Amino acid sequence: MDHAPGVDVKVLYAALDAARNERSLSWRQLAKELEVSPSTLSRIANGLKPDLSAFARMTTWLRMPAESFYVGTHQENAEEPELVAALAPLLRARRDLKEEDVTYLEQLIGAAAHRFRTEAAARG
């Protein structure tokens, strides 16, 4: 199996879509902010990888490291970190969240993660 790193286009698209919705932007407005053509975003929606320049603009606009969107850089069977533990540094780095907001989000995400694990265990 090839373990060469690549861009997880599905995750990149989901991140762009979530941030776009949060900012109440249309896809055309997002393309303009990113300084890419609307067809670039359309190609990503269809699972095609962006060129390096567009990818750099997207990760910069998202304020997320490019590594967040890499696949093939770790073993397939590697154990995932606990969800709340992985998200805690990101939540705590947010300047727009108060401490009690972060605590609430951690509890909410933790409860959901626990439910998912319980349901997965019950399925077998």
N, C-alpha and C. Protein backbone atom coordinates (compact mmCIF):
# COMPACT_ATOMS: atom_id res chain seq x y z
N MET A 1 0.84 -1.19 0.00
CA MET A 1 0.00 0.00 0.00
C MET A 1 0.88 1.24 0.00
N ASP A 2 0.51 2.24 -0.78
CA ASP A 2 1.25 3.49 -0.88
C ASP A 2 0.98 4.36 0.34
N HIS A 3 2.04 4.79 1.03
CA HIS A 3 1.89 5.64 2.21
C HIS A 3 2.37 7.06 1.94
N ALA A 4 2.44 7.44 0.66
CA ALA A 4 2.85 8.80 0.33
C ALA A 4 1.78 9.77 0.80
N PRO A 5 2.20 10.87 1.42
CA PRO A 5 1.18 11.82 1.90
C PRO A 5 0.47 12.50 0.75
N GLY A 6 -0.77 12.84 1.00
CA GLY A 6 -1.57 13.56 0.03
C GLY A 6 -2.60 14.38 0.77
N VAL A 7 -3.40 15.11 0.03
CA VAL A 7 -4.42 15.96 0.62
C VAL A 7 -5.73 15.18 0.74
N ASP A 8 -6.32 15.20 1.93
CA ASP A 8 -7.63 14.60 2.13
C ASP A 8 -8.65 15.65 1.69
N VAL A 9 -9.06 15.58 0.45
CA VAL A 9 -9.92 16.59 -0.16
C VAL A 9 -11.27 16.67 0.55
N LYS A 10 -11.78 15.52 0.99
CA LYS A 10 -13.06 15.50 1.69
C LYS A 10 -13.01 16.33 2.97
N VAL A 11 -11.95 16.18 3.73
CA VAL A 11 -11.79 16.92 4.98
C VAL A 11 -11.57 18.40 4.69
N LEU A 12 -10.77 18.71 3.68
CA LEU A 12 -10.53 20.10 3.29
C LEU A 12 -11.85 20.77 2.89
N TYR A 13 -12.63 20.09 2.07
CA TYR A 13 -13.91 20.65 1.63
C TYR A 13 -14.85 20.87 2.82
N ALA A 14 -14.89 19.91 3.72
CA ALA A 14 -15.77 20.04 4.90
C ALA A 14 -15.34 21.22 5.76
N ALA A 15 -14.04 21.42 5.93
CA ALA A 15 -13.55 22.55 6.72
C ALA A 15 -13.89 23.88 6.04
N LEU A 16 -13.70 23.94 4.74
CA LEU A 16 -14.06 25.16 4.00
C LEU A 16 -15.55 25.43 4.09
N ASP A 17 -16.35 24.39 3.94
CA ASP A 17 -17.80 24.55 3.98
C ASP A 17 -18.26 25.03 5.36
N ALA A 18 -17.70 24.45 6.41
CA ALA A 18 -18.08 24.85 7.77
C ALA A 18 -17.70 26.31 8.03
N ALA A 19 -16.49 26.69 7.65
CA ALA A 19 -16.04 28.07 7.86
C ALA A 19 -16.83 29.04 6.99
N ARG A 20 -17.14 28.62 5.78
CA ARG A 20 -17.94 29.45 4.86
C ARG A 20 -19.32 29.70 5.46
N ASN A 21 -19.95 28.65 5.97
CA ASN A 21 -21.27 28.78 6.59
C ASN A 21 -21.21 29.66 7.83
N GLU A 22 -20.17 29.48 8.64
CA GLU A 22 -20.03 30.27 9.85
C GLU A 22 -19.92 31.76 9.53
N ARG A 23 -19.30 32.07 8.41
CA ARG A 23 -19.11 33.47 8.00
C ARG A 23 -20.20 33.96 7.05
N SER A 24 -21.19 33.13 6.82
CA SER A 24 -22.32 33.47 5.93
C SER A 24 -21.86 33.91 4.55
N LEU A 25 -20.95 33.14 3.96
CA LEU A 25 -20.44 33.43 2.63
C LEU A 25 -21.02 32.44 1.62
N SER A 26 -21.21 32.90 0.40
CA SER A 26 -21.56 32.00 -0.69
C SER A 26 -20.25 31.38 -1.17
N TRP A 27 -20.36 30.35 -2.00
CA TRP A 27 -19.15 29.76 -2.56
C TRP A 27 -18.40 30.76 -3.44
N ARG A 28 -19.13 31.58 -4.17
CA ARG A 28 -18.49 32.61 -5.01
C ARG A 28 -17.74 33.63 -4.15
N GLN A 29 -18.36 34.03 -3.04
CA GLN A 29 -17.70 34.97 -2.14
C GLN A 29 -16.44 34.36 -1.53
N LEU A 30 -16.54 33.08 -1.19
CA LEU A 30 -15.37 32.38 -0.64
C LEU A 30 -14.26 32.34 -1.68
N ALA A 31 -14.60 32.00 -2.92
CA ALA A 31 -13.60 31.96 -3.99
C ALA A 31 -12.90 33.31 -4.12
N LYS A 32 -13.68 34.38 -4.04
CA LYS A 32 -13.10 35.72 -4.14
C LYS A 32 -12.15 35.99 -2.98
N GLU A 33 -12.56 35.63 -1.75
CA GLU A 33 -11.69 35.83 -0.58
C GLU A 33 -10.41 35.02 -0.69
N LEU A 34 -10.53 33.81 -1.24
CA LEU A 34 -9.36 32.93 -1.38
C LEU A 34 -8.49 33.32 -2.58
N GLU A 35 -9.04 34.14 -3.45
CA GLU A 35 -8.37 34.51 -4.70
C GLU A 35 -8.12 33.29 -5.58
N VAL A 36 -9.18 32.45 -5.65
CA VAL A 36 -9.17 31.29 -6.55
C VAL A 36 -10.43 31.37 -7.39
N SER A 37 -10.47 30.62 -8.46
CA SER A 37 -11.66 30.62 -9.30
C SER A 37 -12.75 29.77 -8.63
N PRO A 38 -14.00 30.11 -8.88
CA PRO A 38 -15.08 29.28 -8.35
C PRO A 38 -14.96 27.82 -8.82
N SER A 39 -14.41 27.63 -10.02
CA SER A 39 -14.27 26.25 -10.51
C SER A 39 -13.27 25.46 -9.68
N THR A 40 -12.32 26.13 -9.04
CA THR A 40 -11.38 25.43 -8.14
C THR A 40 -12.15 24.82 -6.98
N LEU A 41 -13.09 25.58 -6.42
CA LEU A 41 -13.89 25.06 -5.31
C LEU A 41 -14.84 23.97 -5.80
N SER A 42 -15.33 24.11 -6.99
CA SER A 42 -16.20 23.09 -7.57
C SER A 42 -15.44 21.77 -7.76
N ARG A 43 -14.20 21.86 -8.22
CA ARG A 43 -13.38 20.66 -8.39
C ARG A 43 -13.14 19.97 -7.05
N ILE A 44 -12.89 20.77 -6.00
CA ILE A 44 -12.68 20.19 -4.68
C ILE A 44 -13.96 19.50 -4.21
N ALA A 45 -15.10 20.11 -4.47
CA ALA A 45 -16.38 19.50 -4.12
C ALA A 45 -16.56 18.15 -4.80
N ASN A 46 -15.94 17.99 -5.96
CA ASN A 46 -16.02 16.74 -6.72
C ASN A 46 -14.86 15.80 -6.42
N GLY A 47 -14.08 16.11 -5.37
CA GLY A 47 -13.03 15.20 -4.93
C GLY A 47 -11.68 15.37 -5.59
N LEU A 48 -11.51 16.42 -6.38
CA LEU A 48 -10.22 16.64 -7.04
C LEU A 48 -9.33 17.53 -6.17
N LYS A 49 -8.05 17.25 -6.17
CA LYS A 49 -7.12 17.99 -5.33
C LYS A 49 -6.84 19.38 -5.91
N PRO A 50 -6.70 20.37 -5.01
CA PRO A 50 -6.35 21.72 -5.48
C PRO A 50 -4.86 21.77 -5.82
N ASP A 51 -4.47 22.77 -6.60
CA ASP A 51 -3.05 22.95 -6.85
C ASP A 51 -2.41 23.50 -5.57
N LEU A 52 -1.11 23.49 -5.50
CA LEU A 52 -0.39 23.87 -4.28
C LEU A 52 -0.71 25.29 -3.85
N SER A 53 -0.77 26.20 -4.79
CA SER A 53 -1.06 27.60 -4.47
C SER A 53 -2.45 27.76 -3.86
N ALA A 54 -3.44 27.12 -4.45
CA ALA A 54 -4.80 27.19 -3.92
C ALA A 54 -4.88 26.53 -2.55
N PHE A 55 -4.20 25.40 -2.40
CA PHE A 55 -4.19 24.70 -1.11
C PHE A 55 -3.59 25.59 -0.03
N ALA A 56 -2.52 26.27 -0.34
CA ALA A 56 -1.88 27.18 0.63
C ALA A 56 -2.83 28.32 1.00
N ARG A 57 -3.52 28.87 0.02
CA ARG A 57 -4.48 29.94 0.31
C ARG A 57 -5.61 29.44 1.21
N MET A 58 -6.07 28.24 0.93
CA MET A 58 -7.18 27.67 1.71
C MET A 58 -6.78 27.43 3.17
N THR A 59 -5.63 26.81 3.37
CA THR A 59 -5.21 26.53 4.74
C THR A 59 -4.89 27.81 5.50
N THR A 60 -4.37 28.81 4.81
CA THR A 60 -4.10 30.10 5.44
C THR A 60 -5.41 30.77 5.83
N TRP A 61 -6.39 30.76 4.92
CA TRP A 61 -7.69 31.36 5.20
C TRP A 61 -8.38 30.65 6.37
N LEU A 62 -8.25 29.32 6.41
CA LEU A 62 -8.84 28.54 7.49
C LEU A 62 -8.08 28.72 8.81
N ARG A 63 -6.86 29.26 8.72
CA ARG A 63 -5.97 29.39 9.88
C ARG A 63 -5.71 28.02 10.51
N MET A 64 -5.46 27.06 9.62
CA MET A 64 -5.16 25.70 10.05
C MET A 64 -3.89 25.24 9.35
N PRO A 65 -3.06 24.44 10.04
CA PRO A 65 -1.86 23.95 9.39
C PRO A 65 -2.19 22.97 8.26
N ALA A 66 -1.40 23.01 7.23
CA ALA A 66 -1.62 22.14 6.07
C ALA A 66 -1.65 20.67 6.49
N GLU A 67 -0.87 20.32 7.50
CA GLU A 67 -0.79 18.93 7.96
C GLU A 67 -2.15 18.40 8.43
N SER A 68 -3.05 19.32 8.79
CA SER A 68 -4.39 18.90 9.23
C SER A 68 -5.14 18.18 8.12
N PHE A 69 -4.71 18.38 6.89
CA PHE A 69 -5.43 17.83 5.74
C PHE A 69 -4.64 16.76 5.00
N TYR A 70 -3.55 16.28 5.61
CA TYR A 70 -2.74 15.24 4.98
C TYR A 70 -3.29 13.86 5.30
N VAL A 71 -3.18 12.97 4.35
CA VAL A 71 -3.46 11.56 4.55
C VAL A 71 -2.23 10.78 4.12
N GLY A 72 -2.10 9.57 4.61
CA GLY A 72 -0.98 8.73 4.21
C GLY A 72 0.30 9.02 4.96
N THR A 73 0.22 9.82 6.03
CA THR A 73 1.42 10.14 6.79
C THR A 73 1.53 9.30 8.06
N HIS A 74 0.53 8.45 8.31
CA HIS A 74 0.58 7.58 9.47
C HIS A 74 0.06 6.21 9.09
N GLN A 75 0.31 5.25 9.93
CA GLN A 75 -0.11 3.89 9.64
C GLN A 75 -1.62 3.77 9.70
N GLU A 76 -2.16 2.92 8.85
CA GLU A 76 -3.61 2.73 8.78
C GLU A 76 -4.20 2.27 10.11
N ASN A 77 -3.51 1.42 10.83
CA ASN A 77 -4.03 0.84 12.07
C ASN A 77 -3.60 1.61 13.31
N ALA A 78 -3.00 2.76 13.13
CA ALA A 78 -2.56 3.54 14.28
C ALA A 78 -3.78 3.96 15.10
N GLU A 79 -3.65 3.89 16.41
CA GLU A 79 -4.77 4.25 17.28
C GLU A 79 -4.94 5.77 17.29
N GLU A 80 -6.18 6.20 17.14
CA GLU A 80 -6.49 7.62 17.15
C GLU A 80 -6.39 8.16 18.57
N PRO A 81 -5.98 9.41 18.73
CA PRO A 81 -6.00 10.01 20.08
C PRO A 81 -7.43 10.25 20.51
N GLU A 82 -7.64 10.37 21.80
CA GLU A 82 -8.98 10.69 22.31
C GLU A 82 -9.43 12.00 21.66
N LEU A 83 -10.68 12.06 21.27
CA LEU A 83 -11.20 13.21 20.55
C LEU A 83 -11.07 14.51 21.34
N VAL A 84 -11.48 14.50 22.58
CA VAL A 84 -11.41 15.73 23.39
C VAL A 84 -9.96 16.14 23.59
N ALA A 85 -9.07 15.17 23.79
CA ALA A 85 -7.65 15.49 23.96
C ALA A 85 -7.08 16.12 22.70
N ALA A 86 -7.52 15.65 21.55
CA ALA A 86 -7.03 16.20 20.29
C ALA A 86 -7.58 17.60 20.04
N LEU A 87 -8.83 17.83 20.45
CA LEU A 87 -9.47 19.12 20.19
C LEU A 87 -9.18 20.17 21.26
N ALA A 88 -8.82 19.75 22.46
CA ALA A 88 -8.62 20.69 23.57
C ALA A 88 -7.64 21.81 23.24
N PRO A 89 -6.46 21.52 22.67
CA PRO A 89 -5.55 22.62 22.35
C PRO A 89 -6.13 23.61 21.36
N LEU A 90 -6.90 23.11 20.39
CA LEU A 90 -7.52 24.00 19.41
C LEU A 90 -8.58 24.87 20.07
N LEU A 91 -9.40 24.27 20.92
CA LEU A 91 -10.43 25.05 21.61
C LEU A 91 -9.81 26.10 22.52
N ARG A 92 -8.78 25.71 23.25
CA ARG A 92 -8.16 26.62 24.22
C ARG A 92 -7.36 27.73 23.53
N ALA A 93 -6.99 27.52 22.29
CA ALA A 93 -6.25 28.55 21.55
C ALA A 93 -7.17 29.62 20.98
N ARG A 94 -8.46 29.35 21.01
CA ARG A 94 -9.43 30.31 20.46
C ARG A 94 -9.56 31.51 21.38
N ARG A 95 -9.34 32.69 20.83
CA ARG A 95 -9.47 33.92 21.63
C ARG A 95 -10.92 34.35 21.78
N ASP A 96 -11.79 33.81 20.93
CA ASP A 96 -13.19 34.22 20.99
C ASP A 96 -14.02 33.35 21.93
N LEU A 97 -13.38 32.40 22.62
CA LEU A 97 -14.09 31.54 23.57
C LEU A 97 -13.62 31.82 24.99
N LYS A 98 -14.57 31.96 25.88
CA LYS A 98 -14.26 32.11 27.30
C LYS A 98 -13.94 30.73 27.86
N GLU A 99 -13.31 30.71 29.03
CA GLU A 99 -12.95 29.44 29.67
C GLU A 99 -14.18 28.55 29.86
N GLU A 100 -15.29 29.14 30.30
CA GLU A 100 -16.49 28.33 30.52
C GLU A 100 -17.06 27.80 29.20
N ASP A 101 -16.86 28.53 28.10
CA ASP A 101 -17.29 28.05 26.79
C ASP A 101 -16.47 26.83 26.38
N VAL A 102 -15.17 26.91 26.60
CA VAL A 102 -14.28 25.80 26.27
C VAL A 102 -14.65 24.57 27.08
N THR A 103 -14.87 24.77 28.38
CA THR A 103 -15.25 23.65 29.24
C THR A 103 -16.56 23.02 28.77
N TYR A 104 -17.53 23.85 28.43
CA TYR A 104 -18.82 23.35 27.95
C TYR A 104 -18.63 22.54 26.66
N LEU A 105 -17.87 23.08 25.72
CA LEU A 105 -17.64 22.37 24.46
C LEU A 105 -16.90 21.05 24.68
N GLU A 106 -15.93 21.05 25.58
CA GLU A 106 -15.21 19.81 25.88
C GLU A 106 -16.17 18.77 26.47
N GLN A 107 -17.05 19.19 27.36
CA GLN A 107 -18.01 18.27 27.95
C GLN A 107 -18.99 17.75 26.89
N LEU A 108 -19.45 18.63 26.04
CA LEU A 108 -20.39 18.25 24.99
C LEU A 108 -19.76 17.26 24.01
N ILE A 109 -18.57 17.57 23.56
CA ILE A 109 -17.86 16.69 22.63
C ILE A 109 -17.52 15.37 23.30
N GLY A 110 -17.10 15.44 24.56
CA GLY A 110 -16.78 14.23 25.31
C GLY A 110 -17.99 13.32 25.45
N ALA A 111 -19.15 13.89 25.75
CA ALA A 111 -20.38 13.10 25.87
C ALA A 111 -20.75 12.45 24.54
N ALA A 112 -20.63 13.20 23.46
CA ALA A 112 -20.94 12.65 22.14
C ALA A 112 -19.95 11.53 21.79
N ALA A 113 -18.68 11.73 22.04
CA ALA A 113 -17.66 10.72 21.75
C ALA A 113 -17.92 9.45 22.56
N HIS A 114 -18.31 9.62 23.83
CA HIS A 114 -18.62 8.47 24.68
C HIS A 114 -19.80 7.69 24.10
N ARG A 115 -20.82 8.41 23.66
CA ARG A 115 -21.99 7.75 23.06
C ARG A 115 -21.60 6.98 21.81
N PHE A 116 -20.76 7.59 20.95
CA PHE A 116 -20.33 6.92 19.73
C PHE A 116 -19.57 5.63 20.05
N ARG A 117 -18.66 5.71 21.05
CA ARG A 117 -17.88 4.52 21.44
C ARG A 117 -18.81 3.43 21.98
N THR A 118 -19.77 3.81 22.80
CA THR A 118 -20.71 2.86 23.40
C THR A 118 -21.54 2.18 22.31
N GLU A 119 -22.04 2.96 21.37
CA GLU A 119 -22.84 2.40 20.27
C GLU A 119 -22.00 1.49 19.37
N ALA A 120 -20.75 1.88 19.12
CA ALA A 120 -19.87 1.05 18.29
C ALA A 120 -19.56 -0.27 18.98
N ALA A 121 -19.34 -0.21 20.30
CA ALA A 121 -19.06 -1.43 21.06
C ALA A 121 -20.27 -2.36 21.06
N ALA A 122 -21.46 -1.79 21.14
CA ALA A 122 -22.69 -2.59 21.16
C ALA A 122 -22.92 -3.29 19.82
N ARG A 123 -22.48 -2.64 18.72
CA ARG A 123 -22.64 -3.23 17.39
C ARG A 123 -21.67 -4.38 17.18
N GLY A 124 -20.62 -4.37 17.97
CA GLY A 124 -19.69 -5.50 17.85
C GLY A 124 -18.38 -5.14 17.38
